[in-house]
Each structure stands twice: as structure tokens, then as C-alpha cells.
PDB file of N, CA and C in Angstrom:
ATOM      1  N   UNK A   1       7.016  39.604  12.459  1.00  0.00           N
ATOM      2  CA  UNK A   1       7.484  40.168  11.201  1.00  0.00           C
ATOM      3  C   UNK A   1       8.754  39.441  10.785  1.00  0.00           C
ATOM      4  N   UNK A   2       8.845  39.131   9.507  1.00  0.00           N
ATOM      5  CA  UNK A   2      10.017  38.434   8.988  1.00  0.00           C
ATOM      6  C   UNK A   2      11.267  39.303   9.111  1.00  0.00           C
ATOM      7  N   UNK A   3      12.406  38.639   9.211  1.00  0.00           N
ATOM      8  CA  UNK A   3      13.684  39.343   9.374  1.00  0.00           C
ATOM      9  C   UNK A   3      13.948  40.312   8.218  1.00  0.00           C
ATOM     10  N   UNK A   4      13.660  39.887   6.970  1.00  0.00           N
ATOM     11  CA  UNK A   4      13.888  40.756   5.810  1.00  0.00           C
ATOM     12  C   UNK A   4      13.028  42.013   5.915  1.00  0.00           C
ATOM     13  N   UNK A   5      11.790  41.865   6.370  1.00  0.00           N
ATOM     14  CA  UNK A   5      10.909  43.023   6.530  1.00  0.00           C
ATOM     15  C   UNK A   5      11.430  43.955   7.620  1.00  0.00           C
ATOM     16  N   UNK A   6      11.994  43.404   8.670  1.00  0.00           N
ATOM     17  CA  UNK A   6      12.572  44.229   9.732  1.00  0.00           C
ATOM     18  C   UNK A   6      13.752  45.035   9.206  1.00  0.00           C
ATOM     19  N   UNK A   7      14.561  44.435   8.336  1.00  0.00           N
ATOM     20  CA  UNK A   7      15.703  45.136   7.737  1.00  0.00           C
ATOM     21  C   UNK A   7      15.217  46.287   6.861  1.00  0.00           C
ATOM     22  N   UNK A   8      14.179  46.026   6.066  1.00  0.00           N
ATOM     23  CA  UNK A   8      13.623  47.071   5.200  1.00  0.00           C
ATOM     24  C   UNK A   8      13.046  48.203   6.043  1.00  0.00           C
ATOM     25  N   UNK A   9      12.352  47.854   7.112  1.00  0.00           N
ATOM     26  CA  UNK A   9      11.780  48.866   8.001  1.00  0.00           C
ATOM     27  C   UNK A   9      12.878  49.748   8.593  1.00  0.00           C
ATOM     28  N   UNK A  10      13.990  49.147   8.982  1.00  0.00           N
ATOM     29  CA  UNK A  10      15.120  49.928   9.499  1.00  0.00           C
ATOM     30  C   UNK A  10      15.674  50.862   8.429  1.00  0.00           C
ATOM     31  N   UNK A  11      15.745  50.376   7.161  1.00  0.00           N
ATOM     32  CA  UNK A  11      16.205  51.232   6.060  1.00  0.00           C
ATOM     33  C   UNK A  11      15.291  52.446   5.896  1.00  0.00           C
ATOM     34  N   UNK A  12      13.985  52.222   6.020  1.00  0.00           N
ATOM     35  CA  UNK A  12      13.024  53.323   5.847  1.00  0.00           C
ATOM     36  C   UNK A  12      13.187  54.389   6.926  1.00  0.00           C
ATOM     37  N   UNK A  13      13.615  53.978   8.114  1.00  0.00           N
ATOM     38  CA  UNK A  13      13.717  54.902   9.238  1.00  0.00           C
ATOM     39  C   UNK A  13      15.121  55.478   9.438  1.00  0.00           C
ATOM     40  N   UNK A  14      16.052  55.196   8.526  1.00  0.00           N
ATOM     41  CA  UNK A  14      17.391  55.765   8.673  1.00  0.00           C
ATOM     42  C   UNK A  14      17.384  57.247   8.312  1.00  0.00           C
ATOM     43  N   UNK A  15      18.284  57.985   8.938  1.00  0.00           N
ATOM     44  CA  UNK A  15      18.465  59.413   8.634  1.00  0.00           C
ATOM     45  C   UNK A  15      19.914  59.606   8.251  1.00  0.00           C
ATOM     46  N   UNK A  16      20.244  60.243   7.169  1.00  0.00           N
ATOM     47  CA  UNK A  16      19.334  60.759   6.150  1.00  0.00           C
ATOM     48  C   UNK A  16      18.668  59.610   5.394  1.00  0.00           C
ATOM     49  N   UNK A  17      17.654  59.950   4.638  1.00  0.00           N
ATOM     50  CA  UNK A  17      16.875  58.952   3.901  1.00  0.00           C
ATOM     51  C   UNK A  17      17.778  58.180   2.948  1.00  0.00           C
ATOM     52  N   UNK A  18      17.660  56.862   2.981  1.00  0.00           N
ATOM     53  CA  UNK A  18      18.465  55.999   2.114  1.00  0.00           C
ATOM     54  C   UNK A  18      18.011  56.124   0.665  1.00  0.00           C
ATOM     55  N   UNK A  19      18.951  56.105  -0.256  1.00  0.00           N
ATOM     56  CA  UNK A  19      18.631  56.224  -1.685  1.00  0.00           C
ATOM     57  C   UNK A  19      18.587  54.867  -2.378  1.00  0.00           C
ATOM     58  N   UNK A  20      18.785  53.787  -1.625  1.00  0.00           N
ATOM     59  CA  UNK A  20      18.828  52.478  -2.277  1.00  0.00           C
ATOM     60  C   UNK A  20      17.821  51.489  -1.689  1.00  0.00           C
ATOM     61  N   UNK A  21      16.583  51.935  -1.538  1.00  0.00           N
ATOM     62  CA  UNK A  21      15.509  51.052  -1.098  1.00  0.00           C
ATOM     63  C   UNK A  21      14.686  50.705  -2.334  1.00  0.00           C
ATOM     64  N   UNK A  22      14.597  49.442  -2.637  1.00  0.00           N
ATOM     65  CA  UNK A  22      13.856  49.003  -3.822  1.00  0.00           C
ATOM     66  C   UNK A  22      12.350  49.049  -3.549  1.00  0.00           C
ATOM     67  N   UNK A  23      11.591  49.456  -4.568  1.00  0.00           N
ATOM     68  CA  UNK A  23      10.143  49.542  -4.419  1.00  0.00           C
ATOM     69  C   UNK A  23       9.558  48.166  -4.098  1.00  0.00           C
ATOM     70  N   UNK A  24      10.098  47.106  -4.687  1.00  0.00           N
ATOM     71  CA  UNK A  24       9.588  45.755  -4.435  1.00  0.00           C
ATOM     72  C   UNK A  24       9.731  45.375  -2.958  1.00  0.00           C
ATOM     73  N   UNK A  25      10.795  45.859  -2.308  1.00  0.00           N
ATOM     74  CA  UNK A  25      10.984  45.602  -0.876  1.00  0.00           C
ATOM     75  C   UNK A  25       9.917  46.326  -0.059  1.00  0.00           C
ATOM     76  N   UNK A  26       9.612  47.543  -0.446  1.00  0.00           N
ATOM     77  CA  UNK A  26       8.587  48.308   0.262  1.00  0.00           C
ATOM     78  C   UNK A  26       7.223  47.637   0.098  1.00  0.00           C
ATOM     79  N   UNK A  27       6.920  47.186  -1.126  1.00  0.00           N
ATOM     80  CA  UNK A  27       5.656  46.485  -1.360  1.00  0.00           C
ATOM     81  C   UNK A  27       5.569  45.230  -0.495  1.00  0.00           C
ATOM     82  N   UNK A  28       6.665  44.489  -0.379  1.00  0.00           N
ATOM     83  CA  UNK A  28       6.681  43.284   0.436  1.00  0.00           C
ATOM     84  C   UNK A  28       6.393  43.616   1.905  1.00  0.00           C
ATOM     85  N   UNK A  29       7.038  44.669   2.407  1.00  0.00           N
ATOM     86  CA  UNK A  29       6.839  45.088   3.785  1.00  0.00           C
ATOM     87  C   UNK A  29       5.383  45.496   4.018  1.00  0.00           C
ATOM     88  N   UNK A  30       4.837  46.331   3.126  1.00  0.00           N
ATOM     89  CA  UNK A  30       3.470  46.798   3.289  1.00  0.00           C
ATOM     90  C   UNK A  30       2.469  45.644   3.200  1.00  0.00           C
ATOM     91  N   UNK A  31       2.729  44.690   2.317  1.00  0.00           N
ATOM     92  CA  UNK A  31       1.852  43.524   2.200  1.00  0.00           C
ATOM     93  C   UNK A  31       1.880  42.706   3.494  1.00  0.00           C
ATOM     94  N   UNK A  32       3.047  42.589   4.092  1.00  0.00           N
ATOM     95  CA  UNK A  32       3.155  41.857   5.352  1.00  0.00           C
ATOM     96  C   UNK A  32       2.393  42.570   6.473  1.00  0.00           C
ATOM     97  N   UNK A  33       2.304  43.886   6.378  1.00  0.00           N
ATOM     98  CA  UNK A  33       1.547  44.658   7.365  1.00  0.00           C
ATOM     99  C   UNK A  33       0.042  44.624   7.090  1.00  0.00           C
ATOM    100  N   UNK A  34      -0.352  43.989   5.975  1.00  0.00           N
ATOM    101  CA  UNK A  34      -1.766  43.833   5.670  1.00  0.00           C
ATOM    102  C   UNK A  34      -2.302  44.761   4.597  1.00  0.00           C
ATOM    103  N   UNK A  35      -1.426  45.390   3.847  1.00  0.00           N
ATOM    104  CA  UNK A  35      -1.851  46.342   2.814  1.00  0.00           C
ATOM    105  C   UNK A  35      -2.471  45.625   1.620  1.00  0.00           C
ATOM    106  N   UNK A  36      -3.446  46.297   1.021  1.00  0.00           N
ATOM    107  CA  UNK A  36      -3.989  45.872  -0.261  1.00  0.00           C
ATOM    108  C   UNK A  36      -3.306  46.747  -1.307  1.00  0.00           C
ATOM    109  N   UNK A  37      -2.607  46.123  -2.231  1.00  0.00           N
ATOM    110  CA  UNK A  37      -1.820  46.857  -3.233  1.00  0.00           C
ATOM    111  C   UNK A  37      -2.449  46.646  -4.601  1.00  0.00           C
ATOM    112  N   UNK A  38      -2.691  47.752  -5.304  1.00  0.00           N
ATOM    113  CA  UNK A  38      -3.308  47.654  -6.627  1.00  0.00           C
ATOM    114  C   UNK A  38      -2.542  48.517  -7.624  1.00  0.00           C
ATOM    115  N   UNK A  39      -2.513  48.044  -8.854  1.00  0.00           N
ATOM    116  CA  UNK A  39      -1.870  48.794  -9.934  1.00  0.00           C
ATOM    117  C   UNK A  39      -2.829  49.878 -10.412  1.00  0.00           C
ATOM    118  N   UNK A  40      -2.306  51.053 -10.674  1.00  0.00           N
ATOM    119  CA  UNK A  40      -3.087  52.156 -11.206  1.00  0.00           C
ATOM    120  C   UNK A  40      -2.560  52.509 -12.587  1.00  0.00           C
ATOM    121  N   UNK A  41      -2.992  53.659 -13.118  1.00  0.00           N
ATOM    122  CA  UNK A  41      -2.530  54.092 -14.430  1.00  0.00           C
ATOM    123  C   UNK A  41      -1.030  54.354 -14.404  1.00  0.00           C
ATOM    124  N   UNK A  42      -0.387  54.044 -15.504  1.00  0.00           N
ATOM    125  CA  UNK A  42       1.037  54.317 -15.632  1.00  0.00           C
ATOM    126  C   UNK A  42       1.849  53.579 -14.583  1.00  0.00           C
ATOM    127  N   UNK A  43       2.644  54.315 -13.860  1.00  0.00           N
ATOM    128  CA  UNK A  43       3.516  53.718 -12.842  1.00  0.00           C
ATOM    129  C   UNK A  43       2.988  53.923 -11.434  1.00  0.00           C
ATOM    130  N   UNK A  44       1.728  54.277 -11.323  1.00  0.00           N
ATOM    131  CA  UNK A  44       1.173  54.518  -9.995  1.00  0.00           C
ATOM    132  C   UNK A  44       0.753  53.213  -9.330  1.00  0.00           C
ATOM    133  N   UNK A  45       0.890  53.200  -8.000  1.00  0.00           N
ATOM    134  CA  UNK A  45       0.518  52.045  -7.208  1.00  0.00           C
ATOM    135  C   UNK A  45      -0.390  52.528  -6.087  1.00  0.00           C
ATOM    136  N   UNK A  46      -1.573  51.930  -5.974  1.00  0.00           N
ATOM    137  CA  UNK A  46      -2.506  52.269  -4.900  1.00  0.00           C
ATOM    138  C   UNK A  46      -2.279  51.344  -3.720  1.00  0.00           C
ATOM    139  N   UNK A  47      -2.268  51.921  -2.522  1.00  0.00           N
ATOM    140  CA  UNK A  47      -2.047  51.127  -1.321  1.00  0.00           C
ATOM    141  C   UNK A  47      -3.121  51.477  -0.303  1.00  0.00           C
ATOM    142  N   UNK A  48      -3.815  50.462   0.189  1.00  0.00           N
ATOM    143  CA  UNK A  48      -4.810  50.650   1.245  1.00  0.00           C
ATOM    144  C   UNK A  48      -4.273  49.968   2.497  1.00  0.00           C
ATOM    145  N   UNK A  49      -4.057  50.769   3.529  1.00  0.00           N
ATOM    146  CA  UNK A  49      -3.499  50.274   4.785  1.00  0.00           C
ATOM    147  C   UNK A  49      -3.919  51.219   5.898  1.00  0.00           C
ATOM    148  N   UNK A  50      -4.181  50.687   7.071  1.00  0.00           N
ATOM    149  CA  UNK A  50      -4.604  51.471   8.231  1.00  0.00           C
ATOM    150  C   UNK A  50      -5.912  52.214   7.954  1.00  0.00           C
ATOM    151  N   UNK A  51      -6.770  51.673   7.091  1.00  0.00           N
ATOM    152  CA  UNK A  51      -8.026  52.327   6.743  1.00  0.00           C
ATOM    153  C   UNK A  51      -7.840  53.579   5.900  1.00  0.00           C
ATOM    154  N   UNK A  52      -6.698  53.707   5.292  1.00  0.00           N
ATOM    155  CA  UNK A  52      -6.336  54.884   4.508  1.00  0.00           C
ATOM    156  C   UNK A  52      -5.845  54.424   3.142  1.00  0.00           C
ATOM    157  N   UNK A  53      -6.091  55.247   2.121  1.00  0.00           N
ATOM    158  CA  UNK A  53      -5.595  54.939   0.771  1.00  0.00           C
ATOM    159  C   UNK A  53      -4.548  55.967   0.376  1.00  0.00           C
ATOM    160  N   UNK A  54      -3.467  55.477  -0.192  1.00  0.00           N
ATOM    161  CA  UNK A  54      -2.400  56.345  -0.696  1.00  0.00           C
ATOM    162  C   UNK A  54      -2.016  55.878  -2.090  1.00  0.00           C
ATOM    163  N   UNK A  55      -1.542  56.811  -2.896  1.00  0.00           N
ATOM    164  CA  UNK A  55      -1.059  56.464  -4.235  1.00  0.00           C
ATOM    165  C   UNK A  55       0.388  56.930  -4.339  1.00  0.00           C
ATOM    166  N   UNK A  56       1.252  56.023  -4.764  1.00  0.00           N
ATOM    167  CA  UNK A  56       2.672  56.313  -4.927  1.00  0.00           C
ATOM    168  C   UNK A  56       3.081  56.050  -6.374  1.00  0.00           C
ATOM    169  N   UNK A  57       4.155  56.689  -6.781  1.00  0.00           N
ATOM    170  CA  UNK A  57       4.679  56.524  -8.130  1.00  0.00           C
ATOM    171  C   UNK A  57       5.890  55.617  -8.074  1.00  0.00           C
ATOM    172  N   UNK A  58       5.831  54.530  -8.823  1.00  0.00           N
ATOM    173  CA  UNK A  58       6.953  53.600  -8.910  1.00  0.00           C
ATOM    174  C   UNK A  58       7.905  54.119  -9.984  1.00  0.00           C
ATOM    175  N   UNK A  59       9.122  54.426  -9.583  1.00  0.00           N
ATOM    176  CA  UNK A  59      10.107  54.936 -10.543  1.00  0.00           C
ATOM    177  C   UNK A  59      10.492  53.848 -11.537  1.00  0.00           C
ATOM    178  N   UNK A  60      10.814  54.274 -12.720  1.00  0.00           N
ATOM    179  CA  UNK A  60      11.291  53.334 -13.727  1.00  0.00           C
ATOM    180  C   UNK A  60      12.280  54.051 -14.610  1.00  0.00           C
ATOM    181  N   UNK A  61      13.253  53.471 -15.149  1.00  0.00           N
ATOM    182  CA  UNK A  61      13.568  52.052 -15.094  1.00  0.00           C
ATOM    183  C   UNK A  61      14.293  51.646 -13.809  1.00  0.00           C
ATOM    184  N   UNK A  62      14.609  52.586 -12.951  1.00  0.00           N
ATOM    185  CA  UNK A  62      15.318  52.273 -11.713  1.00  0.00           C
ATOM    186  C   UNK A  62      14.418  51.509 -10.742  1.00  0.00           C
ATOM    187  N   UNK A  63      14.948  50.486 -10.087  1.00  0.00           N
ATOM    188  CA  UNK A  63      14.149  49.761  -9.102  1.00  0.00           C
ATOM    189  C   UNK A  63      14.084  50.487  -7.756  1.00  0.00           C
ATOM    190  N   UNK A  64      14.928  51.506  -7.575  1.00  0.00           N
ATOM    191  CA  UNK A  64      14.981  52.221  -6.302  1.00  0.00           C
ATOM    192  C   UNK A  64      13.823  53.201  -6.161  1.00  0.00           C
ATOM    193  N   UNK A  65      13.505  53.524  -4.919  1.00  0.00           N
ATOM    194  CA  UNK A  65      12.382  54.389  -4.598  1.00  0.00           C
ATOM    195  C   UNK A  65      12.866  55.808  -4.365  1.00  0.00           C
ATOM    196  N   UNK A  66      12.080  56.769  -4.785  1.00  0.00           N
ATOM    197  CA  UNK A  66      12.361  58.183  -4.598  1.00  0.00           C
ATOM    198  C   UNK A  66      12.442  58.506  -3.102  1.00  0.00           C
ATOM    199  N   UNK A  67      13.377  59.366  -2.712  1.00  0.00           N
ATOM    200  CA  UNK A  67      13.558  59.719  -1.300  1.00  0.00           C
ATOM    201  C   UNK A  67      12.307  60.357  -0.705  1.00  0.00           C
ATOM    202  N   UNK A  68      11.591  61.140  -1.512  1.00  0.00           N
ATOM    203  CA  UNK A  68      10.358  61.764  -1.029  1.00  0.00           C
ATOM    204  C   UNK A  68       9.300  60.729  -0.701  1.00  0.00           C
ATOM    205  N   UNK A  69       9.185  59.703  -1.532  1.00  0.00           N
ATOM    206  CA  UNK A  69       8.229  58.625  -1.280  1.00  0.00           C
ATOM    207  C   UNK A  69       8.617  57.848  -0.025  1.00  0.00           C
ATOM    208  N   UNK A  70       9.910  57.623   0.164  1.00  0.00           N
ATOM    209  CA  UNK A  70      10.372  56.914   1.356  1.00  0.00           C
ATOM    210  C   UNK A  70      10.019  57.708   2.612  1.00  0.00           C
ATOM    211  N   UNK A  71      10.258  59.014   2.583  1.00  0.00           N
ATOM    212  CA  UNK A  71       9.930  59.853   3.737  1.00  0.00           C
ATOM    213  C   UNK A  71       8.428  59.839   4.008  1.00  0.00           C
ATOM    214  N   UNK A  72       7.628  59.872   2.962  1.00  0.00           N
ATOM    215  CA  UNK A  72       6.174  59.845   3.107  1.00  0.00           C
ATOM    216  C   UNK A  72       5.699  58.523   3.707  1.00  0.00           C
ATOM    217  N   UNK A  73       6.253  57.414   3.218  1.00  0.00           N
ATOM    218  CA  UNK A  73       5.892  56.102   3.751  1.00  0.00           C
ATOM    219  C   UNK A  73       6.335  55.983   5.200  1.00  0.00           C
ATOM    220  N   UNK A  74       7.538  56.454   5.499  1.00  0.00           N
ATOM    221  CA  UNK A  74       8.044  56.418   6.875  1.00  0.00           C
ATOM    222  C   UNK A  74       7.117  57.180   7.816  1.00  0.00           C
ATOM    223  N   UNK A  75       6.694  58.385   7.411  1.00  0.00           N
ATOM    224  CA  UNK A  75       5.798  59.182   8.249  1.00  0.00           C
ATOM    225  C   UNK A  75       4.449  58.495   8.432  1.00  0.00           C
ATOM    226  N   UNK A  76       3.935  57.883   7.355  1.00  0.00           N
ATOM    227  CA  UNK A  76       2.666  57.169   7.407  1.00  0.00           C
ATOM    228  C   UNK A  76       2.750  56.000   8.388  1.00  0.00           C
ATOM    229  N   UNK A  77       3.838  55.251   8.324  1.00  0.00           N
ATOM    230  CA  UNK A  77       4.033  54.131   9.253  1.00  0.00           C
ATOM    231  C   UNK A  77       4.167  54.618  10.690  1.00  0.00           C
ATOM    232  N   UNK A  78       4.933  55.680  10.881  1.00  0.00           N
ATOM    233  CA  UNK A  78       5.170  56.220  12.212  1.00  0.00           C
ATOM    234  C   UNK A  78       3.864  56.674  12.876  1.00  0.00           C
ATOM    235  N   UNK A  79       3.030  57.380  12.124  1.00  0.00           N
ATOM    236  CA  UNK A  79       1.753  57.876  12.647  1.00  0.00           C
ATOM    237  C   UNK A  79       0.859  56.715  13.086  1.00  0.00           C
ATOM    238  N   UNK A  80       1.015  55.572  12.425  1.00  0.00           N
ATOM    239  CA  UNK A  80       0.178  54.415  12.739  1.00  0.00           C
ATOM    240  C   UNK A  80       0.877  53.411  13.667  1.00  0.00           C
ATOM    241  N   UNK A  81       1.948  53.845  14.314  1.00  0.00           N
ATOM    242  CA  UNK A  81       2.593  53.048  15.352  1.00  0.00           C
ATOM    243  C   UNK A  81       3.539  51.970  14.871  1.00  0.00           C
ATOM    244  N   UNK A  82       3.939  52.000  13.601  1.00  0.00           N
ATOM    245  CA  UNK A  82       4.885  51.014  13.094  1.00  0.00           C
ATOM    246  C   UNK A  82       6.278  51.620  13.156  1.00  0.00           C
ATOM    247  N   UNK A  83       7.145  50.976  13.934  1.00  0.00           N
ATOM    248  CA  UNK A  83       8.518  51.462  14.099  1.00  0.00           C
ATOM    249  C   UNK A  83       9.458  50.266  14.060  1.00  0.00           C
ATOM    250  N   UNK A  84      10.726  50.494  13.707  1.00  0.00           N
ATOM    251  CA  UNK A  84      11.683  49.374  13.675  1.00  0.00           C
ATOM    252  C   UNK A  84      12.013  48.869  15.076  1.00  0.00           C
TER     253      UNK A  84
END
């Protein structure tokens, strides 16, 4: 895993949840893990990873990700054995 992806992964696993994780960084990390990322209606983003599909909402105009989405992604990664 690239160093930048490792840094992002550490941000996702910090407690309390970080409020300054950019959605583009999360997409980069998930793509490196093998995710298929697709655009959906509006600001939704479909992600297929670990044989599972999830849909997340990309906030706008802010580039940062919602804390609830970060917690959800963190739990999804944790359940599938991805840890910093």
C-alpha cells in the first residue's frame, strides 16, 4: 500500500473521528484496495468492495467527508480485516 494511502487509513481509524478527510482521498484508498467506484444520481457514489456494494453521499461544496460516512467506512474496512 502506498504511503499516502496508509496515512489516509490512519486518519479513518483515529478517535474521535476526524472532520478533515477529503472524499477524494477515501476514493483513492478504496480504489487501491480494489474497489469499483461508480457515479450515481446526484452526489451519490456506489462502491463495490469485498463482494459488497455500498452507496455513500459525497458532500458538496465541501471536499471533506461527513463523520458518519467516515465511521461507516472505517467499520466496513475493519470487518473485512483492513487496519492501519
